[in-house]
Amino acid sequence: MRRVLKRFQNYYCMLALVLVVLVVALVFLVRMWPRRTHKILGVDTWAYLLEARAIRENRFKIPKEMPGYLVRSPYDVPPFFYYLVALFPKKTAEVISRFFSPLVDSLQALLLFALVYFATGNEGAAFGAGVLFAVTPVSVLESITFTARPFASMVFTLFLVAFSFFASTGNAIAFIASAILALAVFLTHKMTAQALAVVCVGFFLAYSLNVFFIAPLVIGFVLAVVVSGGYYLRVLRGHLAILNFWRKRIDRRYSKPVASQFVESVSKLLLNPWLLLAFVYYLGGGLSGFENAFFVACAALFVFAVATALKPLAFLGENYRYLEYCAFPSFFLSAVFIARQPTSLNLFLAAACLVVSIVGLFFTQKKIVSAAAVKPELLDCLSFVGKRKENNVLALPPLGSIVPYMTGKKIFAASSPTVWEQHEEAVFSDLLLRKLPSLIRDYEVQLVIVEKTYASKLPHSAKEWKKVFTNGEYSVYKT
């Protein structure tokens, strides 16, 4: 009898191991899939690599200013992620950047598998949760390119796990872990810090205004200031500056009527259809203390996602960003719900959510690749610029950090929102075009990169420029 039991145990252990490998492989492959045809993808990628390199070249000290920009800008980004990247030389960091986000997501999927298996004892449910993580658009959005968001999301997830364990058990170690992870969030990513605040306030309201649920937020903030030697106050200044900048100019960012903007933003809730099952599970009752805490996090972030769909609150960030942070708990709750209540109706809802996810994944990846793919013509153009002796460059449309990163030149741009108020032309292309002659004079711009759709918009004074390069898509002019 013992031999039979041992064989069953070995079988289930092997099955669980195989399913773990499948989940990790699926998550990784889904995120790497677009690179089959587009090896170079990046929107903010170059900014992260450039800012990490600035730390490395400054002997691992935070620079006072961001190099590579003509508009002098203070270095005011959360430093934790950049220090990690700065550990590697330029070429190594570039290679790692292609795989980093998918690998981080694979680790999150592994944690999700373990939590669902621990909660249900069901390998199938754990595997299903991993599949949700792999194919649901909201969890894929930021993981195809190289940014700090997937890493920050993983730190946030660890915070949620520790915080929910504290909420359900009152465990002191979980509370201390929550505070330390809150510190890590503050020093990693601004938007994630906003999500952290939303969750802590949500817990505070849901758990009878217990101040212990606000405490990790406050302790994490204080620790961030102390550990960084006061540098985090510079980060906070930049964070508040960007919120205030878009608060004043929200009509420029969202030009549609209020009602249309709201409908469009709310429609993005389809990026995570599994919130529906999480709410159905909650309404049906029977959640454990840990599961209830996870639901509180989901509900708080969902409410804020809807609130920021309203134009007056849209300056607090794109509403779907908040859906990204409730992806992990919603996948967990959905998998546990189906494992415990596999009724025909619930299975139908799960199947419908899976179809929506897979269809959404296709369109999401297509949209991301369209926005993030770096054209060969641009690389060709930047290669030419990098060989020129001129140092000051302006680009139409604005190209930002990719220019100084790939050419070593200085680009007309502003890396910190603290200077945007005085330099709106560094943010809005129409103002850049309007002020182009004076900007070229004031910043001693020597080369202007022009994408073909902007060629007809150049001012009359551009006739004096000399075209020194063109490949049909991009042209370079010497002023």
Protein backbone atom coordinates (compact mmCIF):
# COMPACT_ATOMS: atom_id res chain seq x y z
CA MET A 1 0.00 0.00 0.00
CA ARG A 2 2.85 2.36 0.86
CA ARG A 3 4.45 1.68 -2.52
CA VAL A 4 1.18 2.52 -4.31
CA LEU A 5 0.82 5.77 -2.33
CA LYS A 6 4.43 6.67 -3.05
CA ARG A 7 3.90 6.10 -6.76
CA PHE A 8 0.85 8.36 -6.71
CA GLN A 9 2.82 11.01 -4.87
CA ASN A 10 5.67 10.79 -7.38
CA TYR A 11 3.17 10.96 -10.24
CA TYR A 12 1.53 14.13 -8.93
CA CYS A 13 4.89 15.71 -8.19
CA MET A 14 6.02 15.04 -11.74
CA LEU A 15 2.70 16.30 -13.12
CA ALA A 16 2.99 19.52 -11.11
CA LEU A 17 6.58 20.00 -12.30
CA VAL A 18 5.60 19.47 -15.95
CA LEU A 19 2.72 21.94 -15.61
CA VAL A 20 5.03 24.53 -13.99
CA VAL A 21 7.48 24.21 -16.88
CA LEU A 22 4.63 24.56 -19.39
CA VAL A 23 3.30 27.69 -17.69
CA VAL A 24 6.72 29.35 -17.52
CA ALA A 25 7.43 28.44 -21.16
CA LEU A 26 4.04 29.71 -22.34
CA VAL A 27 4.38 33.04 -20.52
CA PHE A 28 7.89 33.53 -21.86
CA LEU A 29 7.06 32.56 -25.45
CA VAL A 30 3.93 34.73 -25.68
CA ARG A 31 5.98 37.77 -24.71
CA MET A 32 8.90 36.91 -26.96
CA TRP A 33 6.73 36.02 -29.96
CA PRO A 34 6.70 39.52 -31.56
CA ARG A 35 10.51 39.52 -31.64
CA ARG A 36 10.47 36.82 -34.29
CA THR A 37 9.98 39.53 -36.88
CA HIS A 38 10.95 42.62 -34.86
CA LYS A 39 14.21 42.11 -33.01
CA ILE A 40 14.42 45.74 -31.89
CA LEU A 41 11.36 46.89 -29.96
CA GLY A 42 11.22 49.82 -27.61
CA VAL A 43 9.40 52.97 -26.63
CA ASP A 44 10.89 53.79 -23.23
CA THR A 45 13.61 51.15 -23.61
CA TRP A 46 16.29 53.63 -24.64
CA ALA A 47 15.52 55.94 -21.72
CA TYR A 48 15.98 53.08 -19.25
CA LEU A 49 19.24 51.97 -20.86
CA LEU A 50 20.51 55.56 -21.12
CA GLU A 51 19.68 56.43 -17.51
CA ALA A 52 21.18 53.19 -16.21
CA ARG A 53 24.34 53.88 -18.21
CA ALA A 54 24.50 57.37 -16.68
CA ILE A 55 24.63 55.79 -13.20
CA ARG A 56 27.31 53.30 -14.29
CA GLU A 57 29.46 56.01 -15.87
CA ASN A 58 29.06 58.15 -12.74
CA ARG A 59 30.67 55.42 -10.62
CA PHE A 60 27.29 54.17 -9.42
CA LYS A 61 26.33 57.53 -8.00
CA ILE A 62 23.10 59.24 -9.03
CA PRO A 63 23.92 62.06 -11.50
CA LYS A 64 22.61 65.54 -10.79
CA GLU A 65 21.48 65.96 -14.39
CA MET A 66 20.40 63.61 -17.13
CA PRO A 67 23.09 63.51 -19.86
CA GLY A 68 22.21 63.51 -23.54
CA TYR A 69 19.54 66.23 -23.48
CA LEU A 70 19.84 69.83 -24.65
CA VAL A 71 17.18 70.98 -22.18
CA ARG A 72 18.93 70.66 -18.84
CA SER A 73 16.91 68.26 -16.73
CA PRO A 74 17.51 66.96 -13.20
CA TYR A 75 17.97 63.23 -12.76
CA ASP A 76 14.84 62.39 -10.77
CA VAL A 77 13.77 58.83 -11.59
CA PRO A 78 13.22 56.09 -8.96
CA PRO A 79 16.70 54.52 -8.86
CA PHE A 80 16.30 50.87 -7.85
CA PHE A 81 15.68 49.39 -11.31
CA TYR A 82 18.34 51.57 -12.93
CA TYR A 83 20.95 50.40 -10.44
CA LEU A 84 20.14 46.79 -11.35
CA VAL A 85 20.59 47.52 -15.06
CA ALA A 86 23.73 49.59 -14.37
CA LEU A 87 25.45 46.46 -13.02
CA PHE A 88 25.92 45.33 -16.62
CA PRO A 89 28.08 46.83 -19.41
CA LYS A 90 26.25 48.46 -22.32
CA LYS A 91 26.27 45.47 -24.71
CA THR A 92 25.29 43.00 -21.98
CA ALA A 93 22.47 45.28 -20.82
CA GLU A 94 21.17 45.46 -24.40
CA VAL A 95 21.06 41.66 -24.66
CA ILE A 96 19.41 41.31 -21.25
CA SER A 97 16.84 43.96 -22.16
CA ARG A 98 15.33 41.63 -24.78
CA PHE A 99 14.59 38.88 -22.26
CA PHE A 100 14.24 40.70 -18.96
CA SER A 101 10.52 41.50 -18.98
CA PRO A 102 9.42 38.01 -20.16
CA LEU A 103 11.64 36.42 -17.49
CA VAL A 104 10.18 38.61 -14.74
CA ASP A 105 6.66 37.71 -15.89
CA SER A 106 7.62 34.04 -15.87
CA LEU A 107 8.60 34.39 -12.21
CA GLN A 108 5.26 36.04 -11.44
CA ALA A 109 3.46 33.19 -13.20
CA LEU A 110 5.44 30.71 -11.10
CA LEU A 111 4.33 32.50 -7.92
CA LEU A 112 0.73 32.49 -9.13
CA PHE A 113 0.91 28.75 -9.84
CA ALA A 114 2.24 28.10 -6.33
CA LEU A 115 -0.40 30.24 -4.61
CA VAL A 116 -3.32 28.69 -6.48
CA TYR A 117 -1.98 25.20 -5.88
CA PHE A 118 -1.53 25.98 -2.17
CA ALA A 119 -5.10 27.33 -1.97
CA THR A 120 -6.81 24.52 -3.90
CA GLY A 121 -4.46 21.54 -4.02
CA ASN A 122 -5.47 21.34 -7.68
CA GLU A 123 -2.73 21.21 -10.34
CA GLY A 124 -5.26 21.92 -13.07
CA ALA A 125 -6.44 25.11 -11.38
CA ALA A 126 -2.83 26.23 -10.85
CA PHE A 127 -2.04 25.55 -14.51
CA GLY A 128 -5.19 27.41 -15.58
CA ALA A 129 -4.14 30.46 -13.56
CA GLY A 130 -0.77 30.38 -15.31
CA VAL A 131 -2.49 30.27 -18.70
CA LEU A 132 -4.56 33.32 -17.74
CA PHE A 133 -1.35 35.16 -16.86
CA ALA A 134 0.16 34.13 -20.18
CA VAL A 135 -2.63 35.22 -22.53
CA THR A 136 -4.65 37.99 -20.86
CA PRO A 137 -3.81 41.31 -22.58
CA VAL A 138 -3.49 43.34 -19.39
CA SER A 139 -0.59 41.20 -18.19
CA VAL A 140 1.19 41.33 -21.57
CA LEU A 141 0.95 45.07 -22.28
CA GLU A 142 4.23 46.12 -20.68
CA SER A 143 6.20 42.90 -21.02
CA ILE A 144 7.02 42.82 -24.71
CA THR A 145 9.46 45.74 -24.48
CA PHE A 146 12.05 46.61 -21.86
CA THR A 147 10.71 48.87 -19.11
CA ALA A 148 10.68 48.98 -15.30
CA ARG A 149 6.96 48.22 -15.18
CA PRO A 150 7.09 44.38 -15.16
CA PHE A 151 9.75 44.42 -12.44
CA ALA A 152 7.77 47.01 -10.46
CA SER A 153 4.64 44.90 -10.96
CA MET A 154 6.40 41.87 -9.49
CA VAL A 155 7.49 43.88 -6.44
CA PHE A 156 3.92 45.15 -6.12
CA THR A 157 2.58 41.58 -6.35
CA LEU A 158 4.91 40.48 -3.55
CA PHE A 159 3.63 43.43 -1.52
CA LEU A 160 0.03 42.36 -2.17
CA VAL A 161 0.75 38.79 -1.07
CA ALA A 162 2.45 39.92 2.15
CA PHE A 163 -0.17 42.61 2.83
CA SER A 164 -3.07 40.22 2.23
CA PHE A 165 -1.46 37.65 4.51
CA PHE A 166 -1.18 40.34 7.19
CA ALA A 167 -4.81 41.38 6.64
CA SER A 168 -6.03 37.80 7.05
CA THR A 169 -3.78 36.70 9.93
CA GLY A 170 -2.35 39.78 11.63
CA ASN A 171 1.10 38.26 11.24
CA ALA A 172 3.81 40.74 12.33
CA ILE A 173 6.43 39.38 9.90
CA ALA A 174 3.99 39.88 7.01
CA PHE A 175 3.46 43.48 8.16
CA ILE A 176 7.21 44.16 8.25
CA ALA A 177 7.61 42.53 4.82
CA SER A 178 4.80 44.76 3.49
CA ALA A 179 6.58 47.89 4.69
CA ILE A 180 9.91 46.79 3.16
CA LEU A 181 8.23 45.94 -0.14
CA ALA A 182 6.43 49.31 -0.08
CA LEU A 183 9.89 50.89 0.21
CA ALA A 184 11.00 48.89 -2.85
CA VAL A 185 7.91 50.08 -4.79
CA PHE A 186 8.61 53.74 -4.02
CA LEU A 187 12.21 53.37 -5.22
CA THR A 188 11.24 51.44 -8.37
CA HIS A 189 8.35 53.07 -10.23
CA LYS A 190 6.12 56.14 -9.91
CA MET A 191 2.88 54.70 -11.29
CA THR A 192 3.26 51.60 -9.15
CA ALA A 193 3.59 53.87 -6.12
CA GLN A 194 0.20 55.36 -7.05
CA ALA A 195 -1.31 51.87 -7.23
CA LEU A 196 0.23 51.13 -3.84
CA ALA A 197 -1.50 54.19 -2.37
CA VAL A 198 -4.84 53.16 -3.91
CA VAL A 199 -4.60 49.66 -2.42
CA CYS A 200 -3.60 50.87 1.05
CA VAL A 201 -6.48 53.35 1.13
CA GLY A 202 -8.81 50.59 -0.09
CA PHE A 203 -7.69 48.28 2.73
CA PHE A 204 -8.04 51.13 5.24
CA LEU A 205 -11.66 51.70 4.17
CA ALA A 206 -12.54 48.00 3.91
CA TYR A 207 -11.07 47.04 7.28
CA SER A 208 -12.90 49.48 9.57
CA LEU A 209 -10.48 52.40 9.14
CA ASN A 210 -7.68 50.45 10.79
CA VAL A 211 -4.55 52.62 10.66
CA PHE A 212 -2.36 49.52 10.35
CA PHE A 213 -3.47 49.31 6.71
CA ILE A 214 -2.14 52.79 5.97
CA ALA A 215 1.04 52.22 7.96
CA PRO A 216 3.04 50.31 5.27
CA LEU A 217 2.45 53.20 2.86
CA VAL A 218 3.72 55.77 5.36
CA ILE A 219 6.60 53.62 6.62
CA GLY A 220 7.63 52.74 3.04
CA PHE A 221 7.66 56.43 2.08
CA VAL A 222 9.73 57.46 5.12
CA LEU A 223 12.17 54.61 4.50
CA ALA A 224 12.47 55.61 0.84
CA VAL A 225 13.51 59.12 1.87
CA VAL A 226 15.95 57.85 4.51
CA VAL A 227 17.50 55.00 2.51
CA SER A 228 18.01 57.23 -0.54
CA GLY A 229 19.63 59.95 1.54
CA GLY A 230 16.83 62.36 0.67
CA TYR A 231 17.03 61.65 -3.07
CA TYR A 232 13.47 60.30 -3.09
CA LEU A 233 12.20 63.83 -2.40
CA ARG A 234 13.63 64.77 -5.81
CA VAL A 235 11.75 61.82 -7.31
CA LEU A 236 8.57 62.96 -5.56
CA ARG A 237 9.01 66.49 -6.89
CA GLY A 238 9.21 65.09 -10.43
CA HIS A 239 6.23 62.81 -9.78
CA LEU A 240 4.05 65.68 -8.60
CA ALA A 241 5.26 67.84 -11.49
CA ILE A 242 4.09 65.38 -14.14
CA LEU A 243 0.69 64.99 -12.48
CA ASN A 244 0.27 68.75 -12.26
CA PHE A 245 1.45 69.27 -15.84
CA TRP A 246 -1.20 66.93 -17.26
CA ARG A 247 -3.87 68.19 -14.85
CA LYS A 248 -3.55 71.61 -16.46
CA ARG A 249 -3.36 70.24 -20.01
CA ILE A 250 -5.66 67.24 -19.93
CA ASP A 251 -7.58 68.60 -22.93
CA ARG A 252 -4.42 68.41 -25.00
CA ARG A 253 -3.89 64.78 -24.03
CA TYR A 254 -7.53 63.75 -24.45
CA SER A 255 -9.18 65.92 -27.08
CA LYS A 256 -12.38 63.88 -27.42
CA PRO A 257 -15.65 64.94 -25.73
CA VAL A 258 -15.95 63.86 -22.08
CA ALA A 259 -18.58 61.18 -22.77
CA SER A 260 -16.65 59.67 -25.68
CA GLN A 261 -13.44 59.68 -23.68
CA PHE A 262 -15.16 57.95 -20.76
CA VAL A 263 -16.68 55.22 -22.95
CA GLU A 264 -13.35 54.59 -24.68
CA SER A 265 -11.51 54.37 -21.35
CA VAL A 266 -14.10 52.08 -19.74
CA SER A 267 -13.95 49.79 -22.77
CA LYS A 268 -10.35 49.06 -21.78
CA LEU A 269 -11.72 47.03 -18.88
CA LEU A 270 -11.91 44.24 -21.46
CA LEU A 271 -8.14 44.05 -21.20
CA ASN A 272 -8.79 42.07 -18.02
CA PRO A 273 -12.14 40.23 -18.31
CA TRP A 274 -11.22 38.03 -15.33
CA LEU A 275 -12.29 40.80 -12.99
CA LEU A 276 -15.82 39.64 -13.80
CA LEU A 277 -15.19 36.19 -12.30
CA ALA A 278 -13.49 37.75 -9.28
CA PHE A 279 -16.59 39.83 -8.59
CA VAL A 280 -18.93 36.85 -9.15
CA TYR A 281 -16.84 34.82 -6.69
CA TYR A 282 -17.06 37.58 -4.09
CA LEU A 283 -20.81 38.08 -4.51
CA GLY A 284 -21.37 34.35 -4.07
CA GLY A 285 -19.55 34.42 -0.72
CA GLY A 286 -17.25 31.80 0.71
CA LEU A 287 -13.93 33.63 0.29
CA SER A 288 -11.19 32.91 2.79
CA GLY A 289 -9.51 35.77 4.66
CA PHE A 290 -6.59 35.86 2.21
CA GLU A 291 -8.91 35.70 -0.79
CA ASN A 292 -11.07 38.48 0.62
CA ALA A 293 -7.97 40.66 1.00
CA PHE A 294 -7.02 39.97 -2.62
CA PHE A 295 -10.54 40.97 -3.65
CA VAL A 296 -10.26 44.26 -1.70
CA ALA A 297 -7.13 45.05 -3.74
CA CYS A 298 -8.95 44.18 -6.98
CA ALA A 299 -11.99 46.27 -6.05
CA ALA A 300 -9.94 49.31 -5.02
CA LEU A 301 -7.92 49.27 -8.24
CA PHE A 302 -11.03 48.63 -10.35
CA VAL A 303 -12.87 51.58 -8.79
CA PHE A 304 -9.88 53.81 -9.44
CA ALA A 305 -9.61 52.55 -13.02
CA VAL A 306 -13.23 53.61 -13.59
CA ALA A 307 -12.70 56.93 -11.79
CA THR A 308 -9.67 57.84 -13.90
CA ALA A 309 -11.70 57.14 -17.02
CA LEU A 310 -13.37 60.45 -16.17
CA LYS A 311 -11.56 63.30 -17.88
CA PRO A 312 -11.06 65.47 -14.75
CA LEU A 313 -9.17 62.58 -13.07
CA ALA A 314 -7.38 61.27 -16.15
CA PHE A 315 -4.21 63.17 -15.19
CA LEU A 316 -3.65 60.46 -12.55
CA GLY A 317 -2.62 58.08 -15.32
CA GLU A 318 -4.16 55.96 -18.06
CA ASN A 319 -6.96 54.04 -16.36
CA TYR A 320 -5.93 50.66 -17.75
CA ARG A 321 -2.65 50.93 -15.84
CA TYR A 322 -4.56 50.28 -12.63
CA LEU A 323 -6.02 47.15 -14.22
CA GLU A 324 -2.47 45.87 -14.73
CA TYR A 325 -1.86 45.91 -10.99
CA CYS A 326 -5.00 43.92 -10.20
CA ALA A 327 -4.24 41.29 -12.86
CA PHE A 328 -2.44 38.90 -10.50
CA PRO A 329 -5.13 38.83 -7.76
CA SER A 330 -7.94 38.60 -10.34
CA PHE A 331 -6.27 35.57 -11.99
CA PHE A 332 -5.81 33.97 -8.56
CA LEU A 333 -9.45 34.52 -7.56
CA SER A 334 -10.78 33.32 -10.93
CA ALA A 335 -8.77 30.09 -10.82
CA VAL A 336 -9.75 29.35 -7.20
CA PHE A 337 -13.40 30.14 -7.99
CA ILE A 338 -13.57 27.72 -10.93
CA ALA A 339 -11.73 25.02 -8.96
CA ARG A 340 -14.21 25.26 -6.09
CA GLN A 341 -17.40 25.95 -8.02
CA PRO A 342 -17.11 24.31 -11.47
CA THR A 343 -20.78 24.77 -12.39
CA SER A 344 -21.90 24.94 -16.00
CA LEU A 345 -22.56 28.67 -15.74
CA ASN A 346 -19.18 29.41 -14.17
CA LEU A 347 -17.37 27.30 -16.76
CA PHE A 348 -19.25 29.15 -19.50
CA LEU A 349 -18.20 32.52 -18.03
CA ALA A 350 -14.60 31.31 -17.80
CA ALA A 351 -14.67 30.13 -21.42
CA ALA A 352 -16.10 33.48 -22.55
CA CYS A 353 -13.38 35.36 -20.63
CA LEU A 354 -10.71 33.14 -22.17
CA VAL A 355 -11.99 33.84 -25.70
CA VAL A 356 -12.03 37.59 -25.00
CA SER A 357 -8.49 37.32 -23.62
CA ILE A 358 -7.07 35.43 -26.59
CA VAL A 359 -8.72 37.71 -29.16
CA GLY A 360 -7.61 40.74 -27.18
CA LEU A 361 -4.07 39.36 -27.00
CA PHE A 362 -3.85 39.24 -30.78
CA PHE A 363 -4.89 42.87 -31.21
CA THR A 364 -2.86 44.05 -28.22
CA GLN A 365 0.36 42.53 -29.52
CA LYS A 366 -0.30 43.94 -32.96
CA LYS A 367 -0.83 47.43 -31.52
CA ILE A 368 2.27 47.25 -29.30
CA VAL A 369 4.49 46.10 -32.16
CA SER A 370 3.15 48.90 -34.36
CA ALA A 371 4.04 51.49 -31.71
CA ALA A 372 7.32 49.98 -30.50
CA ALA A 373 8.98 48.61 -33.64
CA VAL A 374 12.07 50.57 -34.63
CA LYS A 375 12.20 50.96 -38.40
CA PRO A 376 15.40 49.91 -40.18
CA GLU A 377 15.35 53.33 -41.88
CA LEU A 378 15.56 55.04 -38.48
CA LEU A 379 18.50 52.88 -37.44
CA ASP A 380 20.17 53.72 -40.74
CA CYS A 381 19.57 57.41 -40.12
CA LEU A 382 20.91 57.26 -36.55
CA SER A 383 23.99 55.40 -37.74
CA PHE A 384 24.70 58.29 -40.10
CA VAL A 385 24.13 60.90 -37.37
CA GLY A 386 26.42 59.01 -35.00
CA LYS A 387 29.30 59.35 -37.47
CA ARG A 388 28.91 63.11 -37.86
CA LYS A 389 31.05 65.59 -35.93
CA GLU A 390 28.05 67.78 -35.03
CA ASN A 391 26.76 67.27 -31.49
CA ASN A 392 23.38 69.03 -31.10
CA VAL A 393 20.37 67.35 -32.73
CA LEU A 394 16.63 68.04 -33.02
CA ALA A 395 14.12 65.52 -34.37
CA LEU A 396 10.69 65.84 -35.99
CA PRO A 397 8.68 64.15 -34.63
CA PRO A 398 10.51 64.11 -31.27
CA LEU A 399 12.56 60.91 -30.92
CA GLY A 400 13.78 61.37 -27.36
CA SER A 401 16.28 59.06 -25.72
CA ILE A 402 16.98 56.75 -28.66
CA VAL A 403 19.06 59.52 -30.29
CA PRO A 404 21.57 60.13 -27.46
CA TYR A 405 21.68 56.42 -26.66
CA MET A 406 22.51 55.27 -30.18
CA THR A 407 24.51 58.24 -31.44
CA GLY A 408 26.16 59.79 -28.40
CA LYS A 409 24.76 63.19 -29.49
CA LYS A 410 22.56 65.58 -27.51
CA ILE A 411 18.88 65.73 -28.47
CA PHE A 412 16.45 68.59 -27.98
CA ALA A 413 14.23 67.05 -25.32
CA ALA A 414 13.58 67.28 -21.59
CA SER A 415 13.83 64.11 -19.52
CA SER A 416 12.29 65.55 -16.34
CA PRO A 417 8.71 66.82 -16.01
CA THR A 418 9.98 69.51 -13.62
CA VAL A 419 11.11 71.53 -16.66
CA TRP A 420 8.11 70.84 -18.90
CA GLU A 421 6.24 73.90 -17.64
CA GLN A 422 8.96 76.14 -19.07
CA HIS A 423 9.55 73.98 -22.16
CA GLU A 424 6.18 72.80 -23.48
CA GLU A 425 7.71 72.59 -26.94
CA ALA A 426 9.68 69.59 -25.68
CA VAL A 427 6.35 67.80 -25.15
CA PHE A 428 4.04 68.98 -27.95
CA SER A 429 5.05 68.67 -31.61
CA ASP A 430 2.92 71.60 -32.80
CA LEU A 431 4.70 73.96 -30.40
CA LEU A 432 8.04 72.48 -31.44
CA LEU A 433 7.30 73.30 -35.08
CA ARG A 434 6.10 76.80 -34.21
CA LYS A 435 9.23 77.64 -32.24
CA LEU A 436 11.64 75.73 -34.46
CA PRO A 437 13.72 78.68 -35.77
CA SER A 438 14.29 80.16 -32.30
CA LEU A 439 15.03 76.74 -30.78
CA ILE A 440 17.65 76.00 -33.42
CA ARG A 441 19.27 79.35 -32.66
CA ASP A 442 19.02 79.22 -28.86
CA TYR A 443 20.20 75.62 -28.50
CA GLU A 444 22.73 75.78 -31.33
CA VAL A 445 21.12 72.84 -33.11
CA GLN A 446 23.35 71.62 -35.92
CA LEU A 447 21.43 68.63 -37.30
CA VAL A 448 17.68 68.17 -37.76
CA ILE A 449 16.22 64.69 -38.30
CA VAL A 450 12.93 64.89 -40.23
CA GLU A 451 10.53 62.01 -40.77
CA LYS A 452 8.90 62.22 -44.22
CA THR A 453 5.41 63.16 -42.95
CA TYR A 454 6.93 66.27 -41.31
CA ALA A 455 8.82 67.46 -44.40
CA SER A 456 5.88 69.56 -45.62
CA LYS A 457 5.43 71.16 -42.17
CA LEU A 458 8.90 72.69 -41.96
CA PRO A 459 9.07 76.49 -41.62
CA HIS A 460 10.15 78.77 -44.46
CA SER A 461 13.60 79.19 -42.89
CA ALA A 462 14.26 75.47 -43.50
CA LYS A 463 15.01 76.29 -47.13
CA GLU A 464 18.41 77.47 -45.95
CA TRP A 465 19.25 74.06 -44.51
CA LYS A 466 21.42 71.60 -46.40
CA LYS A 467 20.16 68.03 -46.77
CA VAL A 468 23.06 65.72 -45.94
CA PHE A 469 21.21 62.39 -45.74
CA THR A 470 17.97 60.74 -46.85
CA ASN A 471 16.71 57.19 -47.16
CA GLY A 472 13.14 57.94 -48.22
CA GLU A 473 11.75 57.63 -44.69
CA TYR A 474 14.08 59.99 -42.80
CA SER A 475 16.19 62.94 -43.86
CA VAL A 476 18.94 64.78 -42.01
CA TYR A 477 19.53 68.49 -42.51
CA LYS A 478 22.54 70.56 -41.51
CA THR A 479 21.38 73.96 -40.27
